[in-house]
């Protein structure tokens, strides 16, 4: 991919890139970005921010996506070697043991001594 060309722009590439990053990363309005830059002593209008985002934004976003690490694998593996996402496999015996232990604990008022196992 060819490098971005910042020729004929008044501000250095670092400021342009930071402005676009602020707009895209924090979903701010153009005027919010203008105010943030004004607090740092930069006189950049919201219209300039808009032009920069339209001109350089897609290319910068594409580069950021390319550099991002890809997710690999999963944290949980099933018995058959497959992966499970967003689901916890708990056996009935484990649920029984948890309810029995909670019901037999002194001061627990959940199910009157742990005899009621209906979920």
Foldseek 3Di string as FASTA:
>chain_A
DDDDDPPPDPDDPVVLVVLLCVCVVVVDQLVVSCVVVVVVVDRDHSVNSVVSCVPCVVVVVVVVVVPDDDDDDDDDADPVRHDDPPDDDDDPVRLLVVLQVQLCDPPRDDPNRSPDPDD
